């Protein structure tokens, strides 16, 4: 049943069953990201700025973790749809190795390049030291995030969405509980400030990794990681990264984007940098449920593409688009109506409110366009055409937004120009996504058998 429900169950109910656990876990993930910054903001604006400057590093780590997981999910779900169970299991084995290899890479980057990174942004010794303390911990001890993501995506590819939700909950709840203990020094623990927030983060990730590894190894699933008679195959790694590498680049572009926007905003004030950091924390409450929806959509799309069922593939896409737009529209209304309340959660100063209120209202205009583009990108990845998603992301997060942000901020001599770059870039990206979908549908999807409901 777990193996074939993606090809047989009614589509709306299947998407709800597959996506709701992931959406819920993503909301919890958003909660602990926001709580982390709320606690850090109580230390002071310098601490919030330091964590905001470290955010691109964390974004890059997530890019590699999630990107590899996307490739793994796509490959496993397609192999299951093709009834190639042994090949799906072999992909899961390679995913486990890739998770550990990625951790080693980022641990080395954290050790050797953290100080260089922060010297690029700030000469303030307090912000510099706080940022370095935070980044050393989240990179050197990042094994939890990389291994857990691959375990999670492996199970999602089989249609199991409950355990991945539990993994996220374990990490999130642990982080929320440990944050005040390590930051402020509760229960006899020394107060560690920003470094304590980082320790709480990696502790939650490692706990989730341990539990997810146990579940993947000890419970019954369509695929299971096992190195008995295992032979490493570069061809499988290539298949994983055929979809995963464009996803890595797409999300890594987000890291480059934040680096570039921070560089533009530092010309105006460190408060503007803090506002951008707060925005990215808050917008996760809107975007993460859509990403959770996509976690449910991708294996359904991949399975039905592999099974050559055009109707179910397109039905999943249509329903996904409607749900994503509804989520983003609600988020836009909240940002438009309650920006001051949202900012005050972060102990906002009058200057932060002056910059942040128009920022949240202007940027949120992009949410509905972003929803459409995100679902189309998931469609491209699910059918194994990840480079189309890459091209769209390059357009959205590099080719358009940074030049527009730079031009408008200098033309207006204000950070407001940066905020307007977001909706402009998302609109152009959506139009490009729509055009690419129409092209790919004509070339690869239209000729597939219609299939049954």
Protein backbone atom coordinates (compact mmCIF):
# COMPACT_ATOMS: atom_id res chain seq x y z
CA UNK A 1 0.00 0.00 0.00
CA UNK A 2 2.81 2.43 0.89
CA UNK A 3 4.45 1.62 -2.43
CA UNK A 4 1.50 2.14 -4.78
CA UNK A 5 -0.91 4.56 -3.08
CA UNK A 6 0.67 7.45 -5.01
CA UNK A 7 -0.66 5.90 -8.20
CA UNK A 8 -4.14 4.94 -7.00
CA UNK A 9 -5.63 7.09 -4.23
CA UNK A 10 -7.89 10.13 -4.96
CA UNK A 11 -5.57 13.04 -5.65
CA UNK A 12 -6.82 15.73 -3.25
CA UNK A 13 -6.94 13.32 -0.33
CA UNK A 14 -3.55 11.89 -1.27
CA UNK A 15 -1.95 15.35 -1.40
CA UNK A 16 -3.49 16.19 1.97
CA UNK A 17 -2.26 12.93 3.48
CA UNK A 18 1.22 13.35 1.99
CA UNK A 19 1.62 17.08 2.56
CA UNK A 20 -0.07 17.96 5.86
CA UNK A 21 2.50 16.19 8.06
CA UNK A 22 5.32 17.89 6.16
CA UNK A 23 3.55 21.26 6.28
CA UNK A 24 3.05 20.91 10.01
CA UNK A 25 6.67 19.94 10.59
CA UNK A 26 7.82 22.85 8.42
CA UNK A 27 5.72 25.22 10.51
CA UNK A 28 7.40 23.87 13.63
CA UNK A 29 10.75 24.32 11.88
CA UNK A 30 9.80 27.94 11.18
CA UNK A 31 8.76 28.40 14.79
CA UNK A 32 12.08 27.38 16.19
CA UNK A 33 13.97 29.48 13.63
CA UNK A 34 11.94 32.49 14.73
CA UNK A 35 12.18 31.65 18.43
CA UNK A 36 15.95 31.40 18.03
CA UNK A 37 16.11 34.97 16.72
CA UNK A 38 13.60 36.25 19.28
CA UNK A 39 15.82 35.00 22.10
CA UNK A 40 18.94 36.38 20.41
CA UNK A 41 17.24 39.77 19.97
CA UNK A 42 16.89 40.03 23.75
CA UNK A 43 20.70 40.19 23.95
CA UNK A 44 20.67 43.28 21.72
CA UNK A 45 20.54 44.51 18.15
CA UNK A 46 24.23 43.67 17.64
CA UNK A 47 23.50 40.03 18.42
CA UNK A 48 20.57 40.01 15.99
CA UNK A 49 22.76 41.60 13.31
CA UNK A 50 25.51 38.99 13.90
CA UNK A 51 23.06 36.11 13.48
CA UNK A 52 21.57 37.82 10.41
CA UNK A 53 25.03 38.04 8.86
CA UNK A 54 25.56 34.33 9.60
CA UNK A 55 22.27 33.44 7.92
CA UNK A 56 23.75 33.04 4.40
CA UNK A 57 26.13 30.39 5.75
CA UNK A 58 23.21 28.43 7.21
CA UNK A 59 21.29 28.94 3.98
CA UNK A 60 24.20 27.46 2.03
CA UNK A 61 24.29 24.44 4.34
CA UNK A 62 20.57 23.89 3.91
CA UNK A 63 21.03 24.29 0.15
CA UNK A 64 23.46 21.37 0.04
CA UNK A 65 21.41 19.25 2.46
CA UNK A 66 18.01 19.84 0.90
CA UNK A 67 19.36 19.82 -2.66
CA UNK A 68 20.90 16.38 -2.18
CA UNK A 69 17.66 15.28 -0.52
CA UNK A 70 15.60 16.55 -3.46
CA UNK A 71 17.71 14.52 -5.89
CA UNK A 72 17.45 11.49 -3.64
CA UNK A 73 13.66 11.89 -3.29
CA UNK A 74 13.17 12.29 -7.03
CA UNK A 75 15.33 9.26 -7.91
CA UNK A 76 13.82 6.93 -5.30
CA UNK A 77 10.22 7.86 -6.11
CA UNK A 78 10.80 7.42 -9.86
CA UNK A 79 12.44 4.02 -9.32
CA UNK A 80 9.53 2.92 -7.15
CA UNK A 81 7.09 4.07 -9.83
CA UNK A 82 9.06 1.95 -12.32
CA UNK A 83 8.97 -1.03 -9.87
CA UNK A 84 12.79 -1.04 -9.60
CA UNK A 85 12.90 -1.63 -5.85
CA UNK A 86 16.55 -2.70 -5.64
CA UNK A 87 17.66 0.42 -7.50
CA UNK A 88 15.60 2.57 -5.11
CA UNK A 89 17.34 0.93 -2.13
CA UNK A 90 20.74 1.44 -3.74
CA UNK A 91 19.95 5.15 -4.11
CA UNK A 92 19.10 5.36 -0.40
CA UNK A 93 22.47 3.79 0.48
CA UNK A 94 24.32 6.39 -1.57
CA UNK A 95 22.26 9.14 0.08
CA UNK A 96 23.57 8.11 3.51
CA UNK A 97 27.18 8.39 2.32
CA UNK A 98 26.58 11.75 0.67
CA UNK A 99 25.13 13.15 3.92
CA UNK A 100 28.33 12.39 5.85
CA UNK A 101 30.54 13.68 3.04
CA UNK A 102 28.66 17.00 2.97
CA UNK A 103 29.10 17.42 6.74
CA UNK A 104 32.88 16.98 6.42
CA UNK A 105 32.98 19.62 3.68
CA UNK A 106 31.15 22.23 5.77
CA UNK A 107 33.08 21.46 8.94
CA UNK A 108 36.30 22.26 7.08
CA UNK A 109 34.82 25.42 5.56
CA UNK A 110 33.69 26.56 9.01
CA UNK A 111 37.12 25.99 10.55
CA UNK A 112 39.13 27.79 7.87
CA UNK A 113 36.89 30.53 6.43
CA UNK A 114 34.55 31.84 9.17
CA UNK A 115 36.71 34.80 10.24
CA UNK A 116 37.40 35.82 6.64
CA UNK A 117 33.66 35.82 5.94
CA UNK A 118 32.80 38.16 8.83
CA UNK A 119 35.69 40.55 8.17
CA UNK A 120 34.08 41.22 4.80
CA UNK A 121 30.96 42.64 6.49
CA UNK A 122 31.85 44.33 9.72
CA UNK A 123 34.59 46.10 11.60
CA UNK A 124 32.55 46.12 14.80
CA UNK A 125 34.43 43.75 17.17
CA UNK A 126 31.27 42.73 19.06
CA UNK A 127 29.32 41.78 15.94
CA UNK A 128 32.43 40.05 14.55
CA UNK A 129 33.00 37.89 17.62
CA UNK A 130 29.34 36.98 18.04
CA UNK A 131 29.05 36.03 14.39
CA UNK A 132 32.18 33.88 14.48
CA UNK A 133 31.10 32.11 17.68
CA UNK A 134 27.73 31.25 16.15
CA UNK A 135 29.08 30.13 12.78
CA UNK A 136 31.86 27.91 14.15
CA UNK A 137 29.32 25.84 16.08
CA UNK A 138 26.68 25.49 13.34
CA UNK A 139 29.23 24.40 10.72
CA UNK A 140 31.60 22.14 12.67
CA UNK A 141 28.75 20.22 14.31
CA UNK A 142 26.46 20.14 11.26
CA UNK A 143 26.39 16.35 10.80
CA UNK A 144 22.87 16.21 12.24
CA UNK A 145 21.26 18.40 9.62
CA UNK A 146 22.79 16.62 6.61
CA UNK A 147 22.13 13.04 7.68
CA UNK A 148 18.62 13.77 9.00
CA UNK A 149 17.54 15.51 5.78
CA UNK A 150 18.57 12.53 3.66
CA UNK A 151 16.81 10.11 6.03
CA UNK A 152 13.70 12.30 5.86
CA UNK A 153 13.66 12.56 2.06
CA UNK A 154 14.26 8.83 1.67
CA UNK A 155 11.13 8.05 3.67
CA UNK A 156 9.10 10.77 1.93
CA UNK A 157 9.96 9.20 -1.43
CA UNK A 158 8.25 5.98 -0.30
CA UNK A 159 5.07 7.88 0.62
CA UNK A 160 5.75 7.90 4.38
CA UNK A 161 5.22 11.46 5.62
CA UNK A 162 4.53 10.82 9.33
CA UNK A 163 8.00 9.86 10.47
CA UNK A 164 9.64 12.84 8.70
CA UNK A 165 7.20 15.09 10.58
CA UNK A 166 8.27 13.48 13.86
CA UNK A 167 11.95 14.00 12.99
CA UNK A 168 11.32 17.71 12.45
CA UNK A 169 9.35 17.95 15.68
CA UNK A 170 12.14 16.38 17.70
CA UNK A 171 14.70 18.85 16.37
CA UNK A 172 12.41 21.85 16.73
CA UNK A 173 11.17 21.11 20.24
CA UNK A 174 14.68 20.33 21.47
CA UNK A 175 15.95 23.63 20.04
CA UNK A 176 13.12 25.67 21.56
CA UNK A 177 13.67 24.10 25.00
CA UNK A 178 17.46 24.42 24.90
CA UNK A 179 17.62 27.99 23.51
CA UNK A 180 16.91 29.91 26.74
CA UNK A 181 18.89 27.39 28.80
CA UNK A 182 22.09 27.90 26.82
CA UNK A 183 21.61 31.56 25.86
CA UNK A 184 20.67 32.96 29.29
CA UNK A 185 22.22 30.33 31.55
CA UNK A 186 19.26 28.55 33.13
CA UNK A 187 19.38 25.40 35.29
CA UNK A 188 22.97 26.02 36.32
CA UNK A 189 24.29 26.13 32.74
CA UNK A 190 26.66 29.08 32.08
CA UNK A 191 25.10 31.85 29.97
CA UNK A 192 26.63 31.57 26.49
CA UNK A 193 24.71 34.21 24.55
CA UNK A 194 24.79 33.82 20.77
CA UNK A 195 27.00 30.74 21.01
CA UNK A 196 24.33 29.13 23.19
CA UNK A 197 21.76 29.64 20.42
CA UNK A 198 24.05 27.80 18.01
CA UNK A 199 24.59 24.93 20.48
CA UNK A 200 20.83 24.57 20.93
CA UNK A 201 20.39 24.43 17.14
CA UNK A 202 22.95 21.68 16.50
CA UNK A 203 21.80 19.69 19.55
CA UNK A 204 18.28 19.54 18.13
CA UNK A 205 19.62 18.51 14.72
CA UNK A 206 21.74 15.71 16.17
CA UNK A 207 18.85 14.33 18.24
CA UNK A 208 16.66 14.28 15.10
CA UNK A 209 19.45 12.54 13.18
CA UNK A 210 19.80 9.79 15.80
CA UNK A 211 16.07 9.07 15.88
CA UNK A 212 15.65 9.22 12.09
CA UNK A 213 18.54 6.79 11.60
CA UNK A 214 16.96 4.38 14.07
CA UNK A 215 13.59 4.53 12.30
CA UNK A 216 15.08 4.09 8.84
CA UNK A 217 17.15 1.11 9.96
CA UNK A 218 14.79 -0.67 12.34
CA UNK A 219 11.28 -0.16 10.94
CA UNK A 220 9.74 -1.71 7.83
CA UNK A 221 9.82 0.55 4.75
CA UNK A 222 9.81 0.15 0.97
CA UNK A 223 13.53 0.99 1.04
CA UNK A 224 16.10 0.64 3.80
CA UNK A 225 19.72 1.73 4.09
CA UNK A 226 21.94 -1.35 4.22
CA UNK A 227 25.61 -1.68 3.28
CA UNK A 228 25.57 -5.46 2.96
CA UNK A 229 27.10 -6.25 -0.46
CA UNK A 230 27.10 -2.52 -1.12
CA UNK A 231 29.13 -1.20 -4.05
CA UNK A 232 29.62 2.53 -4.51
CA UNK A 233 28.47 3.63 -7.97
CA UNK A 234 29.30 7.02 -9.39
CA UNK A 235 26.42 6.58 -11.83
CA UNK A 236 23.90 6.66 -8.97
CA UNK A 237 25.58 9.75 -7.51
CA UNK A 238 25.25 11.30 -10.95
CA UNK A 239 21.53 10.45 -11.07
CA UNK A 240 21.01 11.98 -7.62
CA UNK A 241 22.80 15.19 -8.53
CA UNK A 242 21.24 15.42 -11.98
CA UNK A 243 18.23 16.74 -10.08
CA UNK A 244 19.95 17.56 -6.79
CA UNK A 245 22.74 19.78 -8.10
CA UNK A 246 20.41 22.28 -9.78
CA UNK A 247 18.42 22.32 -6.52
CA UNK A 248 21.63 22.95 -4.56
CA UNK A 249 22.55 25.79 -6.88
CA UNK A 250 19.01 27.19 -6.70
CA UNK A 251 19.13 27.33 -2.93
CA UNK A 252 22.78 28.36 -2.83
CA UNK A 253 21.76 31.29 -4.99
CA UNK A 254 19.57 32.32 -2.06
CA UNK A 255 22.74 32.44 0.05
CA UNK A 256 24.49 34.54 -2.60
CA UNK A 257 21.40 36.75 -2.76
CA UNK A 258 21.46 37.43 0.98
CA UNK A 259 25.19 38.10 0.87
CA UNK A 260 24.62 40.59 -1.94
CA UNK A 261 21.63 42.26 -0.29
CA UNK A 262 23.52 42.56 3.01
CA UNK A 263 26.38 44.23 1.15
CA UNK A 264 23.94 46.73 -0.38
CA UNK A 265 22.13 47.36 2.92
CA UNK A 266 25.28 47.88 5.03
CA UNK A 267 25.79 51.11 3.06
CA UNK A 268 22.63 52.45 4.70
CA UNK A 269 22.76 50.94 8.22
CA UNK A 270 23.30 47.76 10.23
CA UNK A 271 19.64 48.08 11.26
CA UNK A 272 18.58 47.49 7.64
CA UNK A 273 20.64 44.27 7.71
CA UNK A 274 18.83 43.23 10.90
CA UNK A 275 15.46 43.99 9.23
CA UNK A 276 16.35 41.75 6.29
CA UNK A 277 17.32 38.99 8.73
CA UNK A 278 14.02 39.39 10.58
CA UNK A 279 12.12 39.26 7.29
CA UNK A 280 13.72 35.95 6.34
CA UNK A 281 12.78 34.50 9.71
CA UNK A 282 9.18 35.72 9.47
CA UNK A 283 8.65 34.76 5.84
CA UNK A 284 9.53 31.17 6.71
CA UNK A 285 6.09 30.92 8.37
CA UNK A 286 4.59 31.57 4.93
CA UNK A 287 7.07 29.80 2.68
CA UNK A 288 7.73 26.71 4.82
CA UNK A 289 4.15 25.37 4.56
CA UNK A 290 4.45 25.68 0.79
CA UNK A 291 7.75 23.81 0.89
CA UNK A 292 6.00 21.20 3.05
CA UNK A 293 3.29 20.98 0.39
CA UNK A 294 6.02 20.42 -2.18
CA UNK A 295 7.54 17.64 -0.07
CA UNK A 296 4.23 15.84 -0.49
CA UNK A 297 3.79 16.80 -4.14
CA UNK A 298 7.23 15.76 -5.39
CA UNK A 299 7.00 12.00 -4.76
CA UNK A 300 3.42 11.98 -6.15
CA UNK A 301 4.53 13.80 -9.29
CA UNK A 302 7.69 11.70 -9.63
CA UNK A 303 5.85 8.42 -9.11
CA UNK A 304 3.14 9.21 -11.67
CA UNK A 305 5.66 10.51 -14.19
CA UNK A 306 7.61 7.27 -13.76
CA UNK A 307 4.34 5.33 -14.10
CA UNK A 308 3.47 7.37 -17.25
CA UNK A 309 0.14 8.60 -15.86
CA UNK A 310 -0.33 12.06 -17.35
CA UNK A 311 -3.70 12.80 -15.74
CA UNK A 312 -2.53 12.20 -12.18
CA UNK A 313 0.68 14.15 -12.78
CA UNK A 314 -1.23 17.21 -14.04
CA UNK A 315 -3.95 16.89 -11.39
CA UNK A 316 -1.29 16.97 -8.68
CA UNK A 317 0.22 20.09 -10.26
CA UNK A 318 -3.11 21.94 -10.51
CA UNK A 319 -4.17 21.16 -6.95
CA UNK A 320 -0.71 22.08 -5.67
CA UNK A 321 -0.88 25.47 -7.40
CA UNK A 322 -4.25 26.31 -5.84
CA UNK A 323 -3.20 25.34 -2.32
CA UNK A 324 0.13 27.20 -2.56
CA UNK A 325 -1.54 30.41 -3.75
CA UNK A 326 -4.09 30.23 -0.91
CA UNK A 327 -1.33 29.86 1.71
CA UNK A 328 0.71 32.73 0.27
CA UNK A 329 -2.30 35.03 -0.02
CA UNK A 330 -3.02 34.63 3.69
CA UNK A 331 0.64 35.34 4.46
CA UNK A 332 0.58 38.50 2.36
CA UNK A 333 -2.45 39.81 4.24
CA UNK A 334 -0.77 39.22 7.60
CA UNK A 335 2.39 41.06 6.52
CA UNK A 336 0.33 43.93 5.11
CA UNK A 337 -1.91 44.39 8.16
CA UNK A 338 0.32 43.54 11.14
CA UNK A 339 3.95 44.49 10.31
CA UNK A 340 4.53 46.41 13.56
CA UNK A 341 3.30 43.52 15.71
CA UNK A 342 5.55 41.10 13.81
CA UNK A 343 8.62 43.31 14.27
CA UNK A 344 8.00 43.86 17.98
CA UNK A 345 8.49 40.13 18.57
CA UNK A 346 12.15 40.89 17.86
CA UNK A 347 12.45 43.72 20.38
CA UNK A 348 12.41 46.24 17.52
CA UNK A 349 13.83 49.70 18.14
CA UNK A 350 12.09 52.80 16.71
CA UNK A 351 14.65 52.85 13.91
CA UNK A 352 13.97 49.19 13.10
CA UNK A 353 10.22 49.88 12.99
CA UNK A 354 10.75 52.85 10.68
CA UNK A 355 12.70 50.69 8.22
CA UNK A 356 10.91 47.39 8.81
CA UNK A 357 7.21 48.29 8.48
CA UNK A 358 7.40 49.40 4.82
CA UNK A 359 9.88 46.58 4.14
CA UNK A 360 7.46 43.84 5.20
CA UNK A 361 4.54 45.39 3.32
CA UNK A 362 6.44 45.87 0.06
CA UNK A 363 8.20 42.49 0.01
CA UNK A 364 4.99 40.57 0.78
CA UNK A 365 3.57 41.67 -2.60
CA UNK A 366 5.77 38.94 -4.09
CA UNK A 367 4.24 36.05 -2.13
CA UNK A 368 1.52 34.94 -4.59
CA UNK A 369 3.89 35.02 -7.58
CA UNK A 370 6.44 33.07 -5.52
CA UNK A 371 3.85 30.37 -4.73
CA UNK A 372 3.25 29.69 -8.41
CA UNK A 373 6.95 29.62 -9.23
CA UNK A 374 7.77 27.25 -6.36
CA UNK A 375 5.19 24.65 -7.44
CA UNK A 376 6.35 24.82 -11.05
CA UNK A 377 9.94 24.29 -9.87
CA UNK A 378 8.81 21.22 -7.93
CA UNK A 379 7.15 19.89 -11.09
CA UNK A 380 10.38 20.35 -13.08
CA UNK A 381 12.43 18.59 -10.39
CA UNK A 382 9.96 15.72 -9.99
CA UNK A 383 10.15 14.78 -13.68
CA UNK A 384 13.97 14.87 -13.55
CA UNK A 385 14.37 18.25 -15.28
CA UNK A 386 16.12 20.08 -12.48
CA UNK A 387 18.13 22.39 -14.72
CA UNK A 388 14.97 24.22 -15.75
CA UNK A 389 14.37 25.02 -12.09
CA UNK A 390 17.96 26.19 -11.91
CA UNK A 391 17.47 28.57 -14.82
CA UNK A 392 14.34 30.03 -13.24
CA UNK A 393 16.09 30.50 -9.90
CA UNK A 394 19.05 32.19 -11.55
CA UNK A 395 16.62 34.61 -13.15
CA UNK A 396 14.74 35.19 -9.89
CA UNK A 397 17.57 35.39 -7.37
CA UNK A 398 20.57 36.61 -9.30
CA UNK A 399 19.96 37.96 -12.77
CA UNK A 400 17.01 40.20 -11.78
CA UNK A 401 16.83 40.87 -8.06
CA UNK A 402 20.39 41.93 -7.25
CA UNK A 403 20.82 44.38 -10.15
CA UNK A 404 17.33 45.80 -9.51
CA UNK A 405 18.04 46.10 -5.77
CA UNK A 406 21.35 47.85 -6.44
CA UNK A 407 19.87 50.23 -9.04
CA UNK A 408 16.74 51.16 -7.09
CA UNK A 409 18.53 51.58 -3.75
CA UNK A 410 21.00 54.01 -5.33
CA UNK A 411 18.34 55.76 -7.39
CA UNK A 412 16.12 56.26 -4.33
CA UNK A 413 19.13 56.59 -1.98
CA UNK A 414 17.23 54.31 0.40
CA UNK A 415 16.87 50.69 1.48
CA UNK A 416 13.32 50.89 0.09
CA UNK A 417 14.78 50.13 -3.33
CA UNK A 418 15.94 46.75 -2.04
CA UNK A 419 12.46 45.87 -0.84
CA UNK A 420 10.86 46.65 -4.22
CA UNK A 421 13.31 44.32 -5.98
CA UNK A 422 11.55 41.29 -4.44
CA UNK A 423 8.12 41.60 -6.13
CA UNK A 424 9.70 42.66 -9.43
CA UNK A 425 11.93 39.57 -9.50
CA UNK A 426 9.15 37.17 -8.48
CA UNK A 427 6.79 38.45 -11.19
CA UNK A 428 9.39 37.99 -13.93
CA UNK A 429 10.30 34.55 -12.56
CA UNK A 430 6.66 33.43 -12.57
CA UNK A 431 6.17 34.45 -16.19
CA UNK A 432 9.32 32.54 -17.17
CA UNK A 433 8.14 29.47 -15.20
CA UNK A 434 4.80 29.52 -16.96
CA UNK A 435 6.49 29.65 -20.35
CA UNK A 436 8.84 26.77 -19.50
CA UNK A 437 5.96 24.66 -18.18
CA UNK A 438 4.06 25.12 -21.44
CA UNK A 439 7.17 24.18 -23.43
CA UNK A 440 7.96 21.06 -21.36
CA UNK A 441 4.33 19.97 -21.36
CA UNK A 442 4.33 19.99 -25.14
CA UNK A 443 7.67 18.18 -25.42
CA UNK A 444 7.57 15.58 -22.59
CA UNK A 445 4.13 15.34 -20.96
CA UNK A 446 1.48 15.65 -23.69
CA UNK A 447 2.51 12.38 -25.35
CA UNK A 448 2.25 10.35 -22.13
CA UNK A 449 -0.79 8.06 -21.79
CA UNK A 450 -3.68 9.87 -20.12
CA UNK A 451 -3.89 7.23 -17.41
CA UNK A 452 -6.60 6.59 -14.85
CA UNK A 453 -7.62 8.74 -11.89
